[in-house]
Protein backbone atom coordinates (compact mmCIF):
# COMPACT_ATOMS: atom_id res chain seq x y z
CA MET A 1 -50.80 -30.30 53.75
CA ASN A 2 -50.73 -26.60 52.73
CA ARG A 3 -52.77 -24.13 53.59
CA ALA A 4 -54.59 -23.23 50.93
CA GLU A 5 -55.69 -26.95 50.79
CA GLN A 6 -56.92 -26.67 54.76
CA ARG A 7 -59.04 -23.77 54.25
CA LEU A 8 -61.24 -25.48 51.37
CA ALA A 9 -61.19 -28.53 53.76
CA LEU A 10 -62.25 -26.22 56.73
CA ARG A 11 -65.19 -24.81 54.10
CA ASP A 12 -66.33 -28.37 53.18
CA ALA A 13 -66.71 -29.17 56.61
CA ALA A 14 -68.41 -26.51 58.00
CA GLN A 15 -70.90 -26.77 55.12
CA TRP A 16 -71.40 -30.12 55.90
CA HIS A 17 -71.71 -29.07 59.57
CA ALA A 18 -75.08 -26.93 58.41
CA ARG A 19 -76.11 -29.80 56.27
CA LEU A 20 -76.40 -32.24 59.18
CA GLY A 21 -77.81 -29.93 61.75
CA ALA A 22 -80.42 -29.16 59.20
CA GLN A 23 -81.33 -32.30 58.64
CA PRO A 24 -80.37 -34.35 61.44
CA ASN A 25 -82.55 -37.36 60.34
CA CYS A 26 -81.67 -37.64 56.82
CA ALA A 27 -80.11 -40.96 56.01
CA GLN A 28 -79.03 -40.12 52.76
CA THR A 29 -77.23 -36.92 53.45
CA ARG A 30 -75.56 -39.05 56.34
CA GLN A 31 -74.29 -41.48 54.12
CA GLN A 32 -73.09 -38.68 51.76
CA TRP A 33 -70.97 -36.88 54.66
CA GLN A 34 -69.63 -40.33 55.80
CA ALA A 35 -68.12 -40.90 52.33
CA TRP A 36 -66.73 -37.33 52.20
CA TYR A 37 -65.26 -37.99 55.72
CA GLN A 38 -63.62 -40.93 54.67
CA GLN A 39 -62.63 -39.70 51.17
CA HIS A 40 -59.48 -38.45 52.81
CA ALA A 41 -57.24 -37.65 55.73
CA LEU A 42 -57.57 -33.57 55.37
CA HIS A 43 -61.35 -34.21 55.46
CA GLN A 44 -61.22 -36.19 58.66
CA TRP A 45 -58.49 -33.12 60.04
CA ALA A 46 -60.60 -30.42 59.06
CA TRP A 47 -63.94 -31.96 60.75
CA GLN A 48 -61.94 -33.04 63.96
CA ARG A 49 -61.07 -29.12 63.99
CA LEU A 50 -64.55 -28.17 63.57
CA GLU A 51 -65.88 -30.06 66.77
CA ASP A 52 -63.34 -29.18 68.67
CA LEU A 53 -63.29 -25.36 68.25
CA GLN A 54 -67.61 -26.23 68.29
CA ALA A 55 -66.84 -27.72 71.69
CA GLY A 56 -64.62 -24.85 73.19
CA LEU A 57 -67.06 -22.46 72.45
CA SER A 58 -70.36 -24.36 73.21
CA GLY A 59 -68.40 -25.26 76.41
CA LEU A 60 -69.19 -29.39 75.81
CA PRO A 61 -67.05 -32.22 77.29
CA GLY A 62 -65.29 -33.85 74.65
CA PRO A 63 -66.15 -33.72 70.60
CA LEU A 64 -69.56 -33.76 69.66
CA ALA A 65 -71.28 -36.32 67.96
CA ARG A 66 -70.74 -36.71 64.01
CA HIS A 67 -74.85 -37.26 63.05
CA THR A 68 -76.30 -34.78 65.05
CA LEU A 69 -76.33 -31.37 66.61
CA GLY A 70 -78.37 -30.87 69.85
CA SER A 71 -80.80 -27.54 70.01
CA ASP A 72 -78.91 -26.25 72.76
CA VAL A 73 -75.80 -25.54 70.69
CA GLN A 74 -77.50 -23.90 67.61
CA ALA A 75 -76.08 -20.46 68.13
CA SER A 76 -72.21 -21.47 68.93
CA ARG A 77 -72.79 -23.81 65.91
CA ARG A 78 -73.84 -20.57 63.64
CA THR A 79 -71.19 -18.40 65.39
CA LEU A 80 -68.75 -21.11 64.47
CA LEU A 81 -69.92 -21.69 61.20
CA LYS A 82 -69.87 -18.01 59.91
CA GLY A 83 -66.19 -17.64 61.33
CA LEU A 84 -64.97 -20.56 59.27
CA VAL A 85 -67.22 -20.36 56.10
CA LEU A 86 -67.32 -16.63 55.64
CA GLY A 87 -64.03 -15.81 56.75
CA ILE A 88 -62.65 -18.60 54.30
CA GLY A 89 -64.38 -17.06 51.89
CA ILE A 90 -63.58 -13.38 52.08
CA SER A 91 -60.08 -13.34 52.40
CA GLY A 92 -59.04 -16.66 50.31
CA LEU A 93 -61.64 -17.45 47.87
CA ALA A 94 -62.91 -14.50 46.63
CA TRP A 95 -67.00 -14.56 45.47
CA THR A 96 -67.22 -18.55 45.57
CA GLY A 97 -66.84 -18.99 49.53
CA TYR A 98 -69.71 -16.71 50.89
CA ARG A 99 -72.28 -17.99 47.67
CA GLN A 100 -72.00 -21.43 48.97
CA THR A 101 -73.19 -20.69 52.68
CA PRO A 102 -76.42 -21.08 54.25
CA LEU A 103 -78.46 -17.79 54.28
CA TRP A 104 -79.26 -18.72 58.07
CA LEU A 105 -75.63 -17.04 58.56
CA ALA A 106 -75.81 -14.26 57.31
CA ASP A 107 -75.04 -11.11 59.55
CA GLN A 108 -79.04 -9.59 58.85
CA ARG A 109 -81.51 -11.17 56.78
CA THR A 110 -85.45 -10.54 56.51
CA ALA A 111 -88.22 -12.76 55.58
CA THR A 112 -90.84 -12.79 53.06
CA GLY A 113 -92.75 -9.32 52.94
CA GLU A 114 -90.30 -7.42 55.75
CA ARG A 115 -87.98 -4.88 55.07
CA ARG A 116 -85.33 -3.39 57.99
CA GLN A 117 -83.13 -0.47 58.14
CA LEU A 118 -79.94 0.05 59.65
CA THR A 119 -77.57 2.41 60.84
CA LEU A 120 -74.55 1.28 60.20
CA GLN A 121 -70.96 1.89 62.54
CA ASP A 122 -69.89 4.71 60.38
CA GLY A 123 -73.20 6.02 60.28
CA SER A 124 -73.98 5.06 56.49
CA ARG A 125 -77.62 3.82 56.07
CA LEU A 126 -78.40 0.46 54.70
CA THR A 127 -81.86 -0.86 53.93
CA LEU A 128 -82.78 -4.37 53.18
CA ASN A 129 -85.87 -5.41 51.20
CA THR A 130 -88.28 -8.44 51.41
CA ALA A 131 -86.46 -11.86 51.62
CA SER A 132 -82.96 -10.50 51.54
CA ALA A 133 -79.51 -11.15 53.34
CA VAL A 134 -76.05 -9.72 53.94
CA ASP A 135 -73.08 -9.73 55.70
CA ILE A 136 -71.13 -6.63 57.06
CA ARG A 137 -67.59 -6.64 56.73
CA PHE A 138 -65.93 -2.92 58.55
CA ASP A 139 -62.32 -2.88 59.46
CA ALA A 140 -59.67 -0.07 59.70
CA GLN A 141 -59.01 -0.81 55.56
CA GLN A 142 -62.58 -0.92 54.61
CA ARG A 143 -66.37 -0.73 54.71
CA LEU A 144 -67.50 -4.19 53.40
CA ILE A 145 -71.50 -5.46 52.53
CA ILE A 146 -71.74 -8.87 50.92
CA LEU A 147 -74.67 -9.16 49.57
CA ARG A 148 -75.95 -12.60 49.33
CA ALA A 149 -79.65 -12.75 48.61
CA GLY A 150 -82.06 -9.84 47.55
CA GLU A 151 -82.36 -6.06 47.22
CA ILE A 152 -80.68 -3.36 49.45
CA LEU A 153 -80.61 0.35 49.36
CA ILE A 154 -77.13 2.32 50.33
CA GLU A 155 -76.83 5.75 51.54
CA THR A 156 -73.09 5.89 52.32
CA ALA A 157 -71.61 8.26 55.11
CA ARG A 158 -68.25 10.34 54.63
CA ASP A 159 -65.22 8.35 55.67
CA SER A 160 -61.90 7.40 54.61
CA ARG A 161 -62.11 3.92 54.02
CA PRO A 162 -63.32 2.95 50.55
CA PHE A 163 -67.09 1.59 50.72
CA ARG A 164 -68.05 -1.23 48.63
CA VAL A 165 -70.80 -3.73 47.84
CA ARG A 166 -70.05 -7.45 46.48
CA SER A 167 -72.72 -9.46 45.04
CA ALA A 168 -72.37 -12.90 43.52
CA HIS A 169 -71.95 -11.25 39.99
CA GLY A 170 -69.07 -8.54 41.34
CA GLU A 171 -68.33 -5.17 43.24
CA MET A 172 -69.60 -2.06 43.63
CA ARG A 173 -67.31 1.01 44.95
CA ALA A 174 -69.37 3.65 46.44
CA LEU A 175 -68.08 7.21 45.20
CA GLY A 176 -70.18 9.09 47.87
CA THR A 177 -73.67 8.01 47.22
CA CYS A 178 -76.85 6.73 47.40
CA PHE A 179 -77.61 3.60 45.34
CA ASN A 180 -79.39 0.02 45.07
CA VAL A 181 -78.55 -3.08 44.37
CA ARG A 182 -80.48 -6.10 43.34
CA GLN A 183 -79.42 -9.70 42.89
CA PHE A 184 -80.94 -11.96 40.62
CA ASP A 185 -79.49 -15.96 39.78
CA ASP A 186 -77.82 -14.98 36.83
CA HIS A 187 -76.93 -11.14 36.98
CA THR A 188 -76.84 -8.17 39.88
CA GLU A 189 -78.89 -4.92 38.72
CA LEU A 190 -77.85 -1.47 40.29
CA GLU A 191 -79.72 1.69 40.18
CA VAL A 192 -77.10 4.64 41.08
CA LEU A 193 -79.64 7.21 42.68
CA GLU A 194 -77.03 9.96 43.68
CA HIS A 195 -73.00 10.94 42.67
CA ALA A 196 -71.73 7.49 41.03
CA VAL A 197 -70.44 3.96 41.59
CA ALA A 198 -67.87 1.81 40.30
CA VAL A 199 -68.42 -1.36 38.81
CA ARG A 200 -65.79 -4.52 38.44
CA ASN A 201 -67.39 -8.06 37.58
CA ALA A 202 -66.35 -11.04 39.20
CA ALA A 203 -64.20 -12.39 36.29
CA ASN A 204 -62.19 -10.45 34.82
CA GLY A 205 -61.84 -7.07 37.08
CA ALA A 206 -62.82 -4.64 34.40
CA GLU A 207 -64.47 -1.51 35.87
CA LEU A 208 -66.80 0.89 34.89
CA ARG A 209 -67.92 4.22 36.41
CA VAL A 210 -72.10 4.41 36.37
CA ASP A 211 -73.37 7.79 37.55
CA ALA A 212 -76.51 9.06 39.03
CA GLY A 213 -79.60 8.40 37.08
CA LEU A 214 -78.15 5.18 35.56
CA ARG A 215 -78.53 1.73 35.81
CA LEU A 216 -76.42 -1.03 35.11
CA SER A 217 -77.06 -4.45 34.67
CA PHE A 218 -73.96 -6.90 35.02
CA ASP A 219 -72.95 -10.41 35.39
CA GLU A 220 -69.52 -12.55 36.29
CA ARG A 221 -68.40 -11.77 33.24
CA ARG A 222 -69.97 -8.63 31.36
CA LEU A 223 -70.49 -5.32 32.68
CA GLY A 224 -73.16 -4.45 29.77
CA THR A 225 -74.08 -0.44 29.29
CA PRO A 226 -75.28 1.90 31.51
CA GLN A 227 -79.09 2.48 31.08
CA PRO A 228 -81.28 5.43 32.21
CA ALA A 229 -82.63 4.22 35.22
CA ASP A 230 -85.85 3.51 36.98
CA LEU A 231 -86.05 6.65 39.64
CA ASN A 232 -88.77 4.95 41.29
CA ARG A 233 -86.95 1.94 41.90
CA ALA A 234 -85.85 2.29 45.09
CA ALA A 235 -89.54 3.18 46.52
CA TRP A 236 -89.85 0.37 48.02
CA SER A 237 -87.83 1.32 50.80
CA GLN A 238 -90.89 3.55 51.97
CA GLY A 239 -93.31 0.73 51.71
CA ARG A 240 -94.46 1.18 48.11
CA LEU A 241 -94.44 -0.26 44.53
CA VAL A 242 -94.40 2.51 41.96
CA ILE A 243 -94.71 1.51 38.64
CA ASP A 244 -95.23 3.67 34.81
CA ASP A 245 -97.02 1.66 32.35
CA TRP A 246 -95.84 -2.07 33.44
CA ARG A 247 -97.64 -5.35 32.19
CA LEU A 248 -99.76 -6.77 34.60
CA ASP A 249 -97.79 -10.06 34.62
CA ARG A 250 -94.40 -8.15 35.29
CA THR A 251 -96.60 -6.16 38.33
CA LEU A 252 -97.79 -9.37 39.71
CA ALA A 253 -94.25 -11.11 39.90
CA GLU A 254 -92.88 -8.04 41.93
CA LEU A 255 -96.02 -8.25 44.43
CA GLN A 256 -95.18 -12.06 44.76
CA ARG A 257 -91.90 -10.91 46.38
CA TYR A 258 -93.70 -9.57 49.36
CA ARG A 259 -96.39 -12.36 50.41
CA PRO A 260 -96.20 -15.93 50.92
CA GLY A 261 -97.82 -18.36 48.39
CA VAL A 262 -98.30 -18.08 44.54
CA ILE A 263 -99.84 -15.43 42.31
CA THR A 264 -101.02 -16.75 38.61
CA CYS A 265 -102.11 -15.08 36.03
CA ALA A 266 -103.93 -15.96 33.06
CA GLU A 267 -102.27 -15.35 29.42
CA ASP A 268 -105.34 -13.33 28.32
CA VAL A 269 -104.65 -10.16 30.65
CA ALA A 270 -100.97 -10.53 31.17
CA GLY A 271 -100.01 -7.99 28.62
CA LEU A 272 -102.75 -5.41 30.32
CA ARG A 273 -100.38 -2.27 31.04
CA LEU A 274 -101.06 -0.71 34.27
CA SER A 275 -99.60 2.34 36.06
CA GLY A 276 -100.03 3.73 39.73
CA ALA A 277 -98.32 3.24 43.68
CA TYR A 278 -99.18 0.07 45.19
CA PRO A 279 -98.65 -0.85 49.10
CA LEU A 280 -95.81 -3.58 49.75
CA ASP A 281 -97.00 -3.75 53.29
CA ASP A 282 -100.89 -5.08 52.13
CA THR A 283 -100.87 -6.85 49.23
CA ASP A 284 -104.37 -7.76 49.64
CA ARG A 285 -104.70 -3.97 49.08
CA ALA A 286 -102.55 -4.21 46.72
CA LEU A 287 -104.63 -6.50 44.73
CA ALA A 288 -107.87 -5.03 45.31
CA ALA A 289 -106.92 -2.13 43.49
CA ILE A 290 -105.38 -3.79 40.52
CA ALA A 291 -109.29 -5.51 40.15
CA GLN A 292 -110.44 -2.05 40.04
CA ALA A 293 -108.36 -0.37 37.48
CA LEU A 294 -108.35 -3.38 35.24
CA PRO A 295 -110.88 -5.75 33.62
CA VAL A 296 -109.92 -8.44 35.67
CA ARG A 297 -110.95 -10.24 38.93
CA MET A 298 -108.94 -11.83 41.53
CA GLU A 299 -109.66 -15.57 42.32
CA THR A 300 -108.70 -16.91 46.07
CA ARG A 301 -108.65 -20.28 46.85
CA THR A 302 -106.32 -19.62 50.41
CA ARG A 303 -104.49 -16.73 51.44
CA TYR A 304 -101.83 -18.48 49.83
CA TRP A 305 -103.19 -18.90 46.21
CA VAL A 306 -104.46 -16.06 44.23
CA SER A 307 -105.03 -16.54 40.51
CA VAL A 308 -105.65 -13.20 38.50
CA LYS A 309 -108.11 -13.91 35.12
CA ALA A 310 -109.96 -11.78 32.99
CA ARG A 311 -113.20 -10.35 34.51
CA LYS A 312 -116.64 -11.92 33.52
């Protein structure tokens, strides 16, 4: 078996390990894993290799049970899977490896409604928005942030190493800059606040320079055309949603990112226009302010279910 086959098998084994650990009592998952395990001798080799490494890290005697993992080895399991899956994804499989890795393996992540600001080892500042996840890869040759989910704001520090942000759809290389990146399911959005960013997509490597004051929406195959940036976009890093002539349904969808549960909007009021600044750390207050600004009412069944309807 060659090295590429080994790496693929190890990646698959790590993913199965994660699934079994997350669903220890799911008979269907165990059956699916068993079918994969019996499918090829390479799969059995990879699983045994993972178990041996896991046992060595956790100090457990002998191989771990194949079907479940005890709660006392959760931390070492996370460390092992990160080393296998993310390492494989970055060095051998480009974008595909890390996209298939569970988000709980991310180096840094935020919950719904949480923001987090970090000062990186080179002095750069990284801010994570709500429900976001990143991996940080700094070494002698590069500074790399892998955006796994959500949105980040980057303020780079001066350094001889290139500073890059990788999303599911491509890669952004900072040219001494401050920029905002948000990853959607089918595309990535970049807003350049200072200087410039060079962008290339994942499929063909085409590159485009995006200067300050511009935004770019791109996917794996197309880079698109830079458009004027929304300079209020990064206000989230200060805990504010700043909007100018937004539709009500768009505003509510943005607020939904910062609170658990569901916000629904009646069709007859969805097109109402709204401008202003709203607090992201208190979305109840933001909703109350919207109800004062527009002829709408908030119908609250529970903290987790809000319906916005026309005011009677």
